[in-house]
């Protein structure tokens, strides 16, 4: 799984994913301390993430193992919204 921060939304008038009501996000990959890396992914939002939130991303074949994305042309999904990250007893990220 990968950490990312929601940078915006992606709108497409025509798609071939076959997922009704799909919402796609532009997500900047980041460290566990929410430091941006400058690399972006288009991610299917299955959790209702908002702008600026830190999310956990599942990518590749794992992204297609949900009820919504099963056997669909999806490469990355939001698997969770991060509330807190603790590293060696110290909180390094808090929502």
C-alpha atoms as a PDB file:
ATOM      1  CA  UNK A   1       0.000   0.000   0.000  1.00  0.00           C
ATOM      2  CA  UNK A   2       1.024   3.561  -0.706  1.00  0.00           C
ATOM      3  CA  UNK A   3       0.450   6.895   1.055  1.00  0.00           C
ATOM      4  CA  UNK A   4      -0.884   9.868  -0.889  1.00  0.00           C
ATOM      5  CA  UNK A   5      -2.526  13.246  -0.368  1.00  0.00           C
ATOM      6  CA  UNK A   6      -5.615  14.210  -2.371  1.00  0.00           C
ATOM      7  CA  UNK A   7      -4.688  17.069  -4.709  1.00  0.00           C
ATOM      8  CA  UNK A   8      -7.935  17.325  -6.689  1.00  0.00           C
ATOM      9  CA  UNK A   9     -10.549  15.517  -8.738  1.00  0.00           C
ATOM     10  CA  UNK A  10     -10.464  14.092 -12.237  1.00  0.00           C
ATOM     11  CA  UNK A  11     -13.524  14.509 -14.464  1.00  0.00           C
ATOM     12  CA  UNK A  12     -14.050  12.460 -17.608  1.00  0.00           C
ATOM     13  CA  UNK A  13     -17.167  12.638 -19.778  1.00  0.00           C
ATOM     14  CA  UNK A  14     -16.460   9.270 -21.368  1.00  0.00           C
ATOM     15  CA  UNK A  15     -15.073   6.217 -19.575  1.00  0.00           C
ATOM     16  CA  UNK A  16     -14.860   2.487 -20.178  1.00  0.00           C
ATOM     17  CA  UNK A  17     -14.560   1.369 -16.547  1.00  0.00           C
ATOM     18  CA  UNK A  18     -18.209   0.284 -16.237  1.00  0.00           C
ATOM     19  CA  UNK A  19     -18.468   1.647 -12.675  1.00  0.00           C
ATOM     20  CA  UNK A  20     -21.629   3.715 -12.133  1.00  0.00           C
ATOM     21  CA  UNK A  21     -21.080   6.935 -10.205  1.00  0.00           C
ATOM     22  CA  UNK A  22     -17.307   6.473 -10.073  1.00  0.00           C
ATOM     23  CA  UNK A  23     -15.342   9.367  -8.543  1.00  0.00           C
ATOM     24  CA  UNK A  24     -11.696   9.695  -9.484  1.00  0.00           C
ATOM     25  CA  UNK A  25      -9.108  11.700  -7.544  1.00  0.00           C
ATOM     26  CA  UNK A  26      -5.731  13.171  -8.413  1.00  0.00           C
ATOM     27  CA  UNK A  27      -3.464  12.008  -5.592  1.00  0.00           C
ATOM     28  CA  UNK A  28       0.121  13.123  -4.940  1.00  0.00           C
ATOM     29  CA  UNK A  29       2.249  10.300  -3.535  1.00  0.00           C
ATOM     30  CA  UNK A  30       3.774  11.194  -0.175  1.00  0.00           C
ATOM     31  CA  UNK A  31       5.841   9.899   2.722  1.00  0.00           C
ATOM     32  CA  UNK A  32       4.326   8.665   5.975  1.00  0.00           C
ATOM     33  CA  UNK A  33       4.854  12.207   7.288  1.00  0.00           C
ATOM     34  CA  UNK A  34       2.698  13.609   4.433  1.00  0.00           C
ATOM     35  CA  UNK A  35       5.697  15.088   2.590  1.00  0.00           C
ATOM     36  CA  UNK A  36       4.834  15.270  -1.127  1.00  0.00           C
ATOM     37  CA  UNK A  37       7.002  13.476  -3.692  1.00  0.00           C
ATOM     38  CA  UNK A  38       5.824  15.269  -6.846  1.00  0.00           C
ATOM     39  CA  UNK A  39       4.451  12.059  -8.416  1.00  0.00           C
ATOM     40  CA  UNK A  40       0.719  11.711  -9.045  1.00  0.00           C
ATOM     41  CA  UNK A  41      -1.811   8.926  -9.612  1.00  0.00           C
ATOM     42  CA  UNK A  42      -5.423   8.919 -10.757  1.00  0.00           C
ATOM     43  CA  UNK A  43      -7.226   6.872  -8.117  1.00  0.00           C
ATOM     44  CA  UNK A  44     -10.772   5.492  -7.842  1.00  0.00           C
ATOM     45  CA  UNK A  45     -12.248   6.878  -4.612  1.00  0.00           C
ATOM     46  CA  UNK A  46     -14.103   4.125  -2.754  1.00  0.00           C
ATOM     47  CA  UNK A  47     -14.033   5.868   0.651  1.00  0.00           C
ATOM     48  CA  UNK A  48     -15.263   9.439   0.083  1.00  0.00           C
ATOM     49  CA  UNK A  49     -11.904  11.155   0.595  1.00  0.00           C
ATOM     50  CA  UNK A  50     -11.771  14.936   0.492  1.00  0.00           C
ATOM     51  CA  UNK A  51      -9.301  17.469  -0.794  1.00  0.00           C
ATOM     52  CA  UNK A  52      -6.061  17.565   1.214  1.00  0.00           C
ATOM     53  CA  UNK A  53      -6.725  14.299   3.069  1.00  0.00           C
ATOM     54  CA  UNK A  54      -4.011  11.685   3.383  1.00  0.00           C
ATOM     55  CA  UNK A  55      -5.116   8.337   1.957  1.00  0.00           C
ATOM     56  CA  UNK A  56      -3.891   4.774   1.671  1.00  0.00           C
ATOM     57  CA  UNK A  57      -3.750   3.594  -1.935  1.00  0.00           C
ATOM     58  CA  UNK A  58      -3.914   0.052  -3.211  1.00  0.00           C
ATOM     59  CA  UNK A  59      -2.445  -0.357  -6.685  1.00  0.00           C
ATOM     60  CA  UNK A  60      -2.249  -3.056  -9.342  1.00  0.00           C
ATOM     61  CA  UNK A  61      -4.138  -6.345  -9.108  1.00  0.00           C
ATOM     62  CA  UNK A  62      -4.983  -5.639  -5.449  1.00  0.00           C
ATOM     63  CA  UNK A  63      -7.017  -2.629  -6.574  1.00  0.00           C
ATOM     64  CA  UNK A  64      -9.322  -4.961  -8.480  1.00  0.00           C
ATOM     65  CA  UNK A  65     -10.204  -7.096  -5.453  1.00  0.00           C
ATOM     66  CA  UNK A  66     -13.097  -4.997  -4.165  1.00  0.00           C
ATOM     67  CA  UNK A  67     -16.786  -5.433  -4.851  1.00  0.00           C
ATOM     68  CA  UNK A  68     -16.816  -2.164  -6.844  1.00  0.00           C
ATOM     69  CA  UNK A  69     -13.657  -2.727  -8.904  1.00  0.00           C
ATOM     70  CA  UNK A  70     -13.768  -6.499  -9.454  1.00  0.00           C
ATOM     71  CA  UNK A  71     -12.792  -7.309 -13.065  1.00  0.00           C
ATOM     72  CA  UNK A  72     -12.791  -3.604 -14.001  1.00  0.00           C
ATOM     73  CA  UNK A  73      -9.964  -1.651 -15.688  1.00  0.00           C
ATOM     74  CA  UNK A  74      -8.847   0.028 -12.459  1.00  0.00           C
ATOM     75  CA  UNK A  75      -5.191   0.382 -11.448  1.00  0.00           C
ATOM     76  CA  UNK A  76      -5.456   2.240  -8.122  1.00  0.00           C
ATOM     77  CA  UNK A  77      -8.105   2.756  -5.419  1.00  0.00           C
ATOM     78  CA  UNK A  78      -8.403   4.586  -2.115  1.00  0.00           C
ATOM     79  CA  UNK A  79      -8.299   1.787   0.446  1.00  0.00           C
ATOM     80  CA  UNK A  80      -8.467   4.045   3.514  1.00  0.00           C
ATOM     81  CA  UNK A  81      -8.326   7.582   4.881  1.00  0.00           C
ATOM     82  CA  UNK A  82      -5.472   8.149   7.352  1.00  0.00           C
ATOM     83  CA  UNK A  83      -6.297   9.643  10.754  1.00  0.00           C
ATOM     84  CA  UNK A  84      -2.988   9.149  12.558  1.00  0.00           C
ATOM     85  CA  UNK A  85       0.457   7.632  12.007  1.00  0.00           C
ATOM     86  CA  UNK A  86       2.673   6.723  14.940  1.00  0.00           C
ATOM     87  CA  UNK A  87       6.316   5.829  14.414  1.00  0.00           C
ATOM     88  CA  UNK A  88       8.377   4.468  17.316  1.00  0.00           C
ATOM     89  CA  UNK A  89       6.076   6.004  19.917  1.00  0.00           C
ATOM     90  CA  UNK A  90       5.974   9.439  18.219  1.00  0.00           C
ATOM     91  CA  UNK A  91       3.011  10.765  16.253  1.00  0.00           C
ATOM     92  CA  UNK A  92       4.371  11.823  12.858  1.00  0.00           C
ATOM     93  CA  UNK A  93       1.007  12.557  11.184  1.00  0.00           C
ATOM     94  CA  UNK A  94      -2.386  13.545  12.546  1.00  0.00           C
ATOM     95  CA  UNK A  95      -5.430  14.492  10.502  1.00  0.00           C
END
